[in-house]
Amino acid sequence: MPITTSAKKALKKNLAQRKINKEKKETIKKTKKEYLNLIKTGKIEEAKKILPNLYQLVDKAAKTNLIKKNKASRLKSRWAQKIENPNKLPKT
């Protein structure tokens, strides 16, 4: 346990930020799963409507260093390719 008051404040802040980061990651995972399920079932038009929202979530996560920028761009690229060729690409 922290001893100094500044360490106590830092711990409290870290716990709050951890909760926020976890919620953001879960939101990205949930939206990604929904997107991939729509593609798998052949509902491409509905998947295209979800894609900009998914891009926005990933970009914000990269902006706040929740994920790295290169990973964000790689994910976005793979998701865009997945719409064009749903069967040819590996899972993302």
PDB file of N, CA and C in Angstrom:
ATOM      1  N   MET A   1       0.834  -1.186   0.000  1.00  0.00           N
ATOM      2  CA  MET A   1       0.000   0.000   0.000  1.00  0.00           C
ATOM      3  C   MET A   1       0.875   1.244   0.000  1.00  0.00           C
ATOM      4  N   PRO A   2       0.390   2.278  -0.702  1.00  0.00           N
ATOM      5  CA  PRO A   2       1.154   3.518  -0.731  1.00  0.00           C
ATOM      6  C   PRO A   2       1.179   4.209   0.631  1.00  0.00           C
ATOM      7  N   ILE A   3       2.276   4.900   0.859  1.00  0.00           N
ATOM      8  CA  ILE A   3       2.454   5.555   2.156  1.00  0.00           C
ATOM      9  C   ILE A   3       2.190   7.055   2.043  1.00  0.00           C
ATOM     10  N   THR A   4       2.826   7.706   1.092  1.00  0.00           N
ATOM     11  CA  THR A   4       2.674   9.155   0.964  1.00  0.00           C
ATOM     12  C   THR A   4       1.320   9.494   0.341  1.00  0.00           C
ATOM     13  N   THR A   5       0.899  10.728   0.564  1.00  0.00           N
ATOM     14  CA  THR A   5      -0.400  11.141   0.029  1.00  0.00           C
ATOM     15  C   THR A   5      -0.379  11.206  -1.491  1.00  0.00           C
ATOM     16  N   SER A   6       0.752  11.605  -2.062  1.00  0.00           N
ATOM     17  CA  SER A   6       0.821  11.673  -3.521  1.00  0.00           C
ATOM     18  C   SER A   6       0.750  10.277  -4.132  1.00  0.00           C
ATOM     19  N   ALA A   7       1.334   9.296  -3.466  1.00  0.00           N
ATOM     20  CA  ALA A   7       1.255   7.921  -3.958  1.00  0.00           C
ATOM     21  C   ALA A   7      -0.172   7.389  -3.843  1.00  0.00           C
ATOM     22  N   LYS A   8      -0.874   7.791  -2.799  1.00  0.00           N
ATOM     23  CA  LYS A   8      -2.274   7.378  -2.640  1.00  0.00           C
ATOM     24  C   LYS A   8      -3.136   7.971  -3.746  1.00  0.00           C
ATOM     25  N   LYS A   9      -2.883   9.240  -4.056  1.00  0.00           N
ATOM     26  CA  LYS A   9      -3.628   9.896  -5.126  1.00  0.00           C
ATOM     27  C   LYS A   9      -3.320   9.245  -6.470  1.00  0.00           C
ATOM     28  N   ALA A  10      -2.049   8.914  -6.686  1.00  0.00           N
ATOM     29  CA  ALA A  10      -1.657   8.275  -7.940  1.00  0.00           C
ATOM     30  C   ALA A  10      -2.324   6.913  -8.089  1.00  0.00           C
ATOM     31  N   LEU A  11      -2.398   6.163  -7.013  1.00  0.00           N
ATOM     32  CA  LEU A  11      -3.052   4.857  -7.048  1.00  0.00           C
ATOM     33  C   LEU A  11      -4.530   5.003  -7.387  1.00  0.00           C
ATOM     34  N   LYS A  12      -5.173   5.968  -6.764  1.00  0.00           N
ATOM     35  CA  LYS A  12      -6.590   6.212  -7.021  1.00  0.00           C
ATOM     36  C   LYS A  12      -6.818   6.600  -8.484  1.00  0.00           C
ATOM     37  N   LYS A  13      -5.944   7.444  -8.997  1.00  0.00           N
ATOM     38  CA  LYS A  13      -6.042   7.882 -10.385  1.00  0.00           C
ATOM     39  C   LYS A  13      -5.805   6.716 -11.345  1.00  0.00           C
ATOM     40  N   ASN A  14      -4.813   5.875 -11.029  1.00  0.00           N
ATOM     41  CA  ASN A  14      -4.511   4.732 -11.881  1.00  0.00           C
ATOM     42  C   ASN A  14      -5.673   3.748 -11.935  1.00  0.00           C
ATOM     43  N   LEU A  15      -6.313   3.526 -10.800  1.00  0.00           N
ATOM     44  CA  LEU A  15      -7.453   2.609 -10.772  1.00  0.00           C
ATOM     45  C   LEU A  15      -8.614   3.147 -11.602  1.00  0.00           C
ATOM     46  N   ALA A  16      -8.848   4.443 -11.523  1.00  0.00           N
ATOM     47  CA  ALA A  16      -9.922   5.055 -12.306  1.00  0.00           C
ATOM     48  C   ALA A  16      -9.613   4.964 -13.795  1.00  0.00           C
ATOM     49  N   GLN A  17      -8.359   5.242 -14.163  1.00  0.00           N
ATOM     50  CA  GLN A  17      -7.978   5.193 -15.573  1.00  0.00           C
ATOM     51  C   GLN A  17      -8.023   3.768 -16.105  1.00  0.00           C
ATOM     52  N   ARG A  18      -7.659   2.805 -15.283  1.00  0.00           N
ATOM     53  CA  ARG A  18      -7.709   1.402 -15.685  1.00  0.00           C
ATOM     54  C   ARG A  18      -9.137   0.993 -16.032  1.00  0.00           C
ATOM     55  N   LYS A  19     -10.078   1.477 -15.232  1.00  0.00           N
ATOM     56  CA  LYS A  19     -11.487   1.170 -15.477  1.00  0.00           C
ATOM     57  C   LYS A  19     -11.941   1.764 -16.810  1.00  0.00           C
ATOM     58  N   ILE A  20     -11.551   3.001 -17.073  1.00  0.00           N
ATOM     59  CA  ILE A  20     -11.917   3.665 -18.326  1.00  0.00           C
ATOM     60  C   ILE A  20     -11.317   2.926 -19.515  1.00  0.00           C
ATOM     61  N   ASN A  21     -10.032   2.565 -19.419  1.00  0.00           N
ATOM     62  CA  ASN A  21      -9.365   1.864 -20.514  1.00  0.00           C
ATOM     63  C   ASN A  21     -10.005   0.510 -20.777  1.00  0.00           C
ATOM     64  N   LYS A  22     -10.376  -0.190 -19.719  1.00  0.00           N
ATOM     65  CA  LYS A  22     -11.004  -1.499 -19.877  1.00  0.00           C
ATOM     66  C   LYS A  22     -12.339  -1.367 -20.594  1.00  0.00           C
ATOM     67  N   GLU A  23     -13.117  -0.350 -20.243  1.00  0.00           N
ATOM     68  CA  GLU A  23     -14.401  -0.126 -20.898  1.00  0.00           C
ATOM     69  C   GLU A  23     -14.217   0.189 -22.379  1.00  0.00           C
ATOM     70  N   LYS A  24     -13.207   0.990 -22.703  1.00  0.00           N
ATOM     71  CA  LYS A  24     -12.956   1.324 -24.104  1.00  0.00           C
ATOM     72  C   LYS A  24     -12.563   0.088 -24.905  1.00  0.00           C
ATOM     73  N   LYS A  25     -11.691  -0.747 -24.338  1.00  0.00           N
ATOM     74  CA  LYS A  25     -11.279  -1.967 -25.030  1.00  0.00           C
ATOM     75  C   LYS A  25     -12.457  -2.911 -25.227  1.00  0.00           C
ATOM     76  N   GLU A  26     -13.311  -3.029 -24.220  1.00  0.00           N
ATOM     77  CA  GLU A  26     -14.481  -3.897 -24.343  1.00  0.00           C
ATOM     78  C   GLU A  26     -15.437  -3.380 -25.414  1.00  0.00           C
ATOM     79  N   THR A  27     -15.588  -2.065 -25.520  1.00  0.00           N
ATOM     80  CA  THR A  27     -16.445  -1.482 -26.543  1.00  0.00           C
ATOM     81  C   THR A  27     -15.904  -1.785 -27.933  1.00  0.00           C
ATOM     82  N   ILE A  28     -14.589  -1.668 -28.103  1.00  0.00           N
ATOM     83  CA  ILE A  28     -13.977  -1.976 -29.392  1.00  0.00           C
ATOM     84  C   ILE A  28     -14.183  -3.449 -29.731  1.00  0.00           C
ATOM     85  N   LYS A  29     -13.949  -4.325 -28.771  1.00  0.00           N
ATOM     86  CA  LYS A  29     -14.109  -5.761 -29.021  1.00  0.00           C
ATOM     87  C   LYS A  29     -15.547  -6.113 -29.371  1.00  0.00           C
ATOM     88  N   LYS A  30     -16.502  -5.512 -28.658  1.00  0.00           N
ATOM     89  CA  LYS A  30     -17.907  -5.805 -28.909  1.00  0.00           C
ATOM     90  C   LYS A  30     -18.317  -5.337 -30.309  1.00  0.00           C
ATOM     91  N   THR A  31     -17.900  -4.140 -30.687  1.00  0.00           N
ATOM     92  CA  THR A  31     -18.235  -3.594 -31.995  1.00  0.00           C
ATOM     93  C   THR A  31     -17.568  -4.399 -33.100  1.00  0.00           C
ATOM     94  N   LYS A  32     -16.315  -4.805 -32.874  1.00  0.00           N
ATOM     95  CA  LYS A  32     -15.597  -5.618 -33.863  1.00  0.00           C
ATOM     96  C   LYS A  32     -16.301  -6.954 -34.073  1.00  0.00           C
ATOM     97  N   LYS A  33     -16.731  -7.566 -32.989  1.00  0.00           N
ATOM     98  CA  LYS A  33     -17.415  -8.854 -33.078  1.00  0.00           C
ATOM     99  C   LYS A  33     -18.719  -8.711 -33.852  1.00  0.00           C
ATOM    100  N   GLU A  34     -19.450  -7.647 -33.578  1.00  0.00           N
ATOM    101  CA  GLU A  34     -20.698  -7.392 -34.295  1.00  0.00           C
ATOM    102  C   GLU A  34     -20.428  -7.198 -35.784  1.00  0.00           C
ATOM    103  N   TYR A  35     -19.389  -6.439 -36.108  1.00  0.00           N
ATOM    104  CA  TYR A  35     -19.007  -6.177 -37.500  1.00  0.00           C
ATOM    105  C   TYR A  35     -18.652  -7.470 -38.225  1.00  0.00           C
ATOM    106  N   LEU A  36     -17.811  -8.299 -37.603  1.00  0.00           N
ATOM    107  CA  LEU A  36     -17.391  -9.542 -38.251  1.00  0.00           C
ATOM    108  C   LEU A  36     -18.549 -10.527 -38.386  1.00  0.00           C
ATOM    109  N   ASN A  37     -19.471 -10.538 -37.429  1.00  0.00           N
ATOM    110  CA  ASN A  37     -20.643 -11.409 -37.541  1.00  0.00           C
ATOM    111  C   ASN A  37     -21.548 -10.972 -38.683  1.00  0.00           C
ATOM    112  N   LEU A  38     -21.682  -9.670 -38.888  1.00  0.00           N
ATOM    113  CA  LEU A  38     -22.482  -9.179 -40.010  1.00  0.00           C
ATOM    114  C   LEU A  38     -21.862  -9.592 -41.338  1.00  0.00           C
ATOM    115  N   ILE A  39     -20.554  -9.519 -41.433  1.00  0.00           N
ATOM    116  CA  ILE A  39     -19.882  -9.926 -42.667  1.00  0.00           C
ATOM    117  C   ILE A  39     -20.039 -11.426 -42.884  1.00  0.00           C
ATOM    118  N   LYS A  40     -19.905 -12.180 -41.812  1.00  0.00           N
ATOM    119  CA  LYS A  40     -20.010 -13.633 -41.911  1.00  0.00           C
ATOM    120  C   LYS A  40     -21.398 -14.068 -42.378  1.00  0.00           C
ATOM    121  N   THR A  41     -22.425 -13.347 -41.932  1.00  0.00           N
ATOM    122  CA  THR A  41     -23.788 -13.694 -42.326  1.00  0.00           C
ATOM    123  C   THR A  41     -24.180 -13.081 -43.664  1.00  0.00           C
ATOM    124  N   GLY A  42     -23.307 -12.273 -44.253  1.00  0.00           N
ATOM    125  CA  GLY A  42     -23.560 -11.720 -45.577  1.00  0.00           C
ATOM    126  C   GLY A  42     -24.278 -10.382 -45.576  1.00  0.00           C
ATOM    127  N   LYS A  43     -24.400  -9.737 -44.460  1.00  0.00           N
ATOM    128  CA  LYS A  43     -25.071  -8.438 -44.371  1.00  0.00           C
ATOM    129  C   LYS A  43     -24.037  -7.328 -44.533  1.00  0.00           C
ATOM    130  N   ILE A  44     -23.549  -7.187 -45.759  1.00  0.00           N
ATOM    131  CA  ILE A  44     -22.451  -6.263 -46.051  1.00  0.00           C
ATOM    132  C   ILE A  44     -22.876  -4.804 -45.861  1.00  0.00           C
ATOM    133  N   GLU A  45     -24.101  -4.461 -46.266  1.00  0.00           N
ATOM    134  CA  GLU A  45     -24.551  -3.070 -46.151  1.00  0.00           C
ATOM    135  C   GLU A  45     -24.618  -2.623 -44.691  1.00  0.00           C
ATOM    136  N   GLU A  46     -25.092  -3.497 -43.823  1.00  0.00           N
ATOM    137  CA  GLU A  46     -25.141  -3.149 -42.404  1.00  0.00           C
ATOM    138  C   GLU A  46     -23.732  -3.043 -41.821  1.00  0.00           C
ATOM    139  N   ALA A  47     -22.836  -3.895 -42.305  1.00  0.00           N
ATOM    140  CA  ALA A  47     -21.448  -3.846 -41.838  1.00  0.00           C
ATOM    141  C   ALA A  47     -20.789  -2.535 -42.262  1.00  0.00           C
ATOM    142  N   LYS A  48     -21.123  -2.055 -43.449  1.00  0.00           N
ATOM    143  CA  LYS A  48     -20.557  -0.787 -43.922  1.00  0.00           C
ATOM    144  C   LYS A  48     -21.019   0.387 -43.065  1.00  0.00           C
ATOM    145  N   LYS A  49     -22.203   0.269 -42.473  1.00  0.00           N
ATOM    146  CA  LYS A  49     -22.693   1.335 -41.603  1.00  0.00           C
ATOM    147  C   LYS A  49     -21.964   1.337 -40.261  1.00  0.00           C
ATOM    148  N   ILE A  50     -21.529   0.168 -39.808  1.00  0.00           N
ATOM    149  CA  ILE A  50     -20.831   0.055 -38.524  1.00  0.00           C
ATOM    150  C   ILE A  50     -19.360   0.444 -38.646  1.00  0.00           C
ATOM    151  N   LEU A  51     -18.794   0.253 -39.828  1.00  0.00           N
ATOM    152  CA  LEU A  51     -17.354   0.457 -40.023  1.00  0.00           C
ATOM    153  C   LEU A  51     -16.855   1.850 -39.621  1.00  0.00           C
ATOM    154  N   PRO A  52     -17.519   2.957 -39.988  1.00  0.00           N
ATOM    155  CA  PRO A  52     -17.010   4.270 -39.545  1.00  0.00           C
ATOM    156  C   PRO A  52     -16.980   4.428 -38.026  1.00  0.00           C
ATOM    157  N   ASN A  53     -17.967   3.865 -37.349  1.00  0.00           N
ATOM    158  CA  ASN A  53     -17.986   3.914 -35.890  1.00  0.00           C
ATOM    159  C   ASN A  53     -16.811   3.131 -35.318  1.00  0.00           C
ATOM    160  N   LEU A  54     -16.535   1.986 -35.911  1.00  0.00           N
ATOM    161  CA  LEU A  54     -15.411   1.161 -35.474  1.00  0.00           C
ATOM    162  C   LEU A  54     -14.089   1.886 -35.715  1.00  0.00           C
ATOM    163  N   TYR A  55     -13.967   2.548 -36.863  1.00  0.00           N
ATOM    164  CA  TYR A  55     -12.771   3.352 -37.145  1.00  0.00           C
ATOM    165  C   TYR A  55     -12.590   4.435 -36.081  1.00  0.00           C
ATOM    166  N   GLN A  56     -13.680   5.099 -35.731  1.00  0.00           N
ATOM    167  CA  GLN A  56     -13.612   6.186 -34.757  1.00  0.00           C
ATOM    168  C   GLN A  56     -13.141   5.678 -33.398  1.00  0.00           C
ATOM    169  N   LEU A  57     -13.669   4.532 -32.976  1.00  0.00           N
ATOM    170  CA  LEU A  57     -13.265   3.966 -31.692  1.00  0.00           C
ATOM    171  C   LEU A  57     -11.776   3.641 -31.672  1.00  0.00           C
ATOM    172  N   VAL A  58     -11.292   3.046 -32.760  1.00  0.00           N
ATOM    173  CA  VAL A  58      -9.886   2.649 -32.825  1.00  0.00           C
ATOM    174  C   VAL A  58      -8.981   3.876 -32.902  1.00  0.00           C
ATOM    175  N   ASP A  59      -9.395   4.884 -33.658  1.00  0.00           N
ATOM    176  CA  ASP A  59      -8.589   6.105 -33.756  1.00  0.00           C
ATOM    177  C   ASP A  59      -8.479   6.820 -32.409  1.00  0.00           C
ATOM    178  N   LYS A  60      -9.571   6.872 -31.677  1.00  0.00           N
ATOM    179  CA  LYS A  60      -9.529   7.509 -30.356  1.00  0.00           C
ATOM    180  C   LYS A  60      -8.657   6.715 -29.395  1.00  0.00           C
ATOM    181  N   ALA A  61      -8.714   5.385 -29.508  1.00  0.00           N
ATOM    182  CA  ALA A  61      -7.872   4.547 -28.650  1.00  0.00           C
ATOM    183  C   ALA A  61      -6.398   4.761 -28.983  1.00  0.00           C
ATOM    184  N   ALA A  62      -6.086   4.928 -30.267  1.00  0.00           N
ATOM    185  CA  ALA A  62      -4.700   5.168 -30.662  1.00  0.00           C
ATOM    186  C   ALA A  62      -4.248   6.564 -30.225  1.00  0.00           C
ATOM    187  N   LYS A  63      -5.161   7.511 -30.275  1.00  0.00           N
ATOM    188  CA  LYS A  63      -4.826   8.880 -29.887  1.00  0.00           C
ATOM    189  C   LYS A  63      -4.464   8.966 -28.407  1.00  0.00           C
ATOM    190  N   THR A  64      -5.130   8.180 -27.586  1.00  0.00           N
ATOM    191  CA  THR A  64      -4.865   8.194 -26.152  1.00  0.00           C
ATOM    192  C   THR A  64      -3.878   7.111 -25.733  1.00  0.00           C
ATOM    193  N   ASN A  65      -3.199   6.508 -26.687  1.00  0.00           N
ATOM    194  CA  ASN A  65      -2.185   5.475 -26.460  1.00  0.00           C
ATOM    195  C   ASN A  65      -2.735   4.225 -25.781  1.00  0.00           C
ATOM    196  N   LEU A  66      -3.999   3.947 -25.989  1.00  0.00           N
ATOM    197  CA  LEU A  66      -4.571   2.704 -25.497  1.00  0.00           C
ATOM    198  C   LEU A  66      -4.070   1.546 -26.355  1.00  0.00           C
ATOM    199  N   ILE A  67      -3.990   1.796 -27.662  1.00  0.00           N
ATOM    200  CA  ILE A  67      -3.323   0.874 -28.580  1.00  0.00           C
ATOM    201  C   ILE A  67      -2.350   1.706 -29.405  1.00  0.00           C
ATOM    202  N   LYS A  68      -1.399   1.044 -30.035  1.00  0.00           N
ATOM    203  CA  LYS A  68      -0.414   1.779 -30.820  1.00  0.00           C
ATOM    204  C   LYS A  68      -1.008   2.207 -32.161  1.00  0.00           C
ATOM    205  N   LYS A  69      -0.465   3.284 -32.718  1.00  0.00           N
ATOM    206  CA  LYS A  69      -0.999   3.839 -33.958  1.00  0.00           C
ATOM    207  C   LYS A  69      -0.884   2.863 -35.118  1.00  0.00           C
ATOM    208  N   ASN A  70       0.224   2.130 -35.174  1.00  0.00           N
ATOM    209  CA  ASN A  70       0.400   1.182 -36.263  1.00  0.00           C
ATOM    210  C   ASN A  70      -0.625   0.057 -36.176  1.00  0.00           C
ATOM    211  N   LYS A  71      -0.917  -0.394 -34.983  1.00  0.00           N
ATOM    212  CA  LYS A  71      -1.920  -1.441 -34.808  1.00  0.00           C
ATOM    213  C   LYS A  71      -3.287  -0.932 -35.245  1.00  0.00           C
ATOM    214  N   ALA A  72      -3.591   0.310 -34.920  1.00  0.00           N
ATOM    215  CA  ALA A  72      -4.875   0.888 -35.309  1.00  0.00           C
ATOM    216  C   ALA A  72      -5.009   0.929 -36.826  1.00  0.00           C
ATOM    217  N   SER A  73      -3.973   1.384 -37.506  1.00  0.00           N
ATOM    218  CA  SER A  73      -4.044   1.461 -38.963  1.00  0.00           C
ATOM    219  C   SER A  73      -4.077   0.073 -39.586  1.00  0.00           C
ATOM    220  N   ARG A  74      -3.380  -0.872 -38.988  1.00  0.00           N
ATOM    221  CA  ARG A  74      -3.397  -2.251 -39.491  1.00  0.00           C
ATOM    222  C   ARG A  74      -4.791  -2.868 -39.345  1.00  0.00           C
ATOM    223  N   LEU A  75      -5.412  -2.651 -38.204  1.00  0.00           N
ATOM    224  CA  LEU A  75      -6.765  -3.174 -37.990  1.00  0.00           C
ATOM    225  C   LEU A  75      -7.757  -2.556 -38.974  1.00  0.00           C
ATOM    226  N   LYS A  76      -7.674  -1.245 -39.148  1.00  0.00           N
ATOM    227  CA  LYS A  76      -8.588  -0.568 -40.062  1.00  0.00           C
ATOM    228  C   LYS A  76      -8.422  -1.083 -41.486  1.00  0.00           C
ATOM    229  N   SER A  77      -7.186  -1.311 -41.889  1.00  0.00           N
ATOM    230  CA  SER A  77      -6.920  -1.828 -43.225  1.00  0.00           C
ATOM    231  C   SER A  77      -7.509  -3.220 -43.404  1.00  0.00           C
ATOM    232  N   ARG A  78      -7.324  -4.074 -42.422  1.00  0.00           N
ATOM    233  CA  ARG A  78      -7.844  -5.443 -42.518  1.00  0.00           C
ATOM    234  C   ARG A  78      -9.369  -5.465 -42.515  1.00  0.00           C
ATOM    235  N   TRP A  79      -9.974  -4.588 -41.719  1.00  0.00           N
ATOM    236  CA  TRP A  79     -11.432  -4.548 -41.699  1.00  0.00           C
ATOM    237  C   TRP A  79     -11.985  -4.069 -43.039  1.00  0.00           C
ATOM    238  N   ALA A  80     -11.304  -3.110 -43.670  1.00  0.00           N
ATOM    239  CA  ALA A  80     -11.743  -2.627 -44.978  1.00  0.00           C
ATOM    240  C   ALA A  80     -11.600  -3.727 -46.025  1.00  0.00           C
ATOM    241  N   GLN A  81     -10.513  -4.487 -45.966  1.00  0.00           N
ATOM    242  CA  GLN A  81     -10.317  -5.588 -46.906  1.00  0.00           C
ATOM    243  C   GLN A  81     -11.334  -6.695 -46.679  1.00  0.00           C
ATOM    244  N   LYS A  82     -11.749  -6.861 -45.453  1.00  0.00           N
ATOM    245  CA  LYS A  82     -12.693  -7.918 -45.106  1.00  0.00           C
ATOM    246  C   LYS A  82     -14.037  -7.696 -45.799  1.00  0.00           C
ATOM    247  N   ILE A  83     -14.419  -6.447 -46.011  1.00  0.00           N
ATOM    248  CA  ILE A  83     -15.680  -6.171 -46.715  1.00  0.00           C
ATOM    249  C   ILE A  83     -15.572  -6.596 -48.172  1.00  0.00           C
ATOM    250  N   GLU A  84     -14.428  -6.330 -48.788  1.00  0.00           N
ATOM    251  CA  GLU A  84     -14.257  -6.655 -50.203  1.00  0.00           C
ATOM    252  C   GLU A  84     -14.162  -8.160 -50.436  1.00  0.00           C
ATOM    253  N   ASN A  85     -13.388  -8.861 -49.600  1.00  0.00           N
ATOM    254  CA  ASN A  85     -13.195 -10.306 -49.747  1.00  0.00           C
ATOM    255  C   ASN A  85     -13.423 -10.987 -48.402  1.00  0.00           C
ATOM    256  N   PRO A  86     -14.665 -11.276 -48.060  1.00  0.00           N
ATOM    257  CA  PRO A  86     -14.937 -11.814 -46.721  1.00  0.00           C
ATOM    258  C   PRO A  86     -14.323 -13.189 -46.464  1.00  0.00           C
ATOM    259  N   ASN A  87     -14.082 -13.970 -47.497  1.00  0.00           N
ATOM    260  CA  ASN A  87     -13.619 -15.345 -47.294  1.00  0.00           C
ATOM    261  C   ASN A  87     -12.115 -15.518 -47.419  1.00  0.00           C
ATOM    262  N   LYS A  88     -11.417 -14.560 -48.016  1.00  0.00           N
ATOM    263  CA  LYS A  88     -10.001 -14.756 -48.327  1.00  0.00           C
ATOM    264  C   LYS A  88      -9.050 -14.364 -47.208  1.00  0.00           C
ATOM    265  N   LEU A  89      -9.466 -13.500 -46.318  1.00  0.00           N
ATOM    266  CA  LEU A  89      -8.542 -12.980 -45.315  1.00  0.00           C
ATOM    267  C   LEU A  89      -8.641 -13.746 -44.004  1.00  0.00           C
ATOM    268  N   PRO A  90      -7.549 -13.778 -43.246  1.00  0.00           N
ATOM    269  CA  PRO A  90      -7.608 -14.425 -41.927  1.00  0.00           C
ATOM    270  C   PRO A  90      -8.430 -13.597 -40.952  1.00  0.00           C
ATOM    271  N   LYS A  91      -8.728 -14.193 -39.814  1.00  0.00           N
ATOM    272  CA  LYS A  91      -9.487 -13.479 -38.783  1.00  0.00           C
ATOM    273  C   LYS A  91      -8.686 -12.299 -38.263  1.00  0.00           C
ATOM    274  N   THR A  92      -9.390 -11.207 -37.950  1.00  0.00           N
ATOM    275  CA  THR A  92      -8.734 -10.043 -37.350  1.00  0.00           C
ATOM    276  C   THR A  92      -9.341  -9.747 -36.016  1.00  0.00           C
TER     277      THR A  92
END
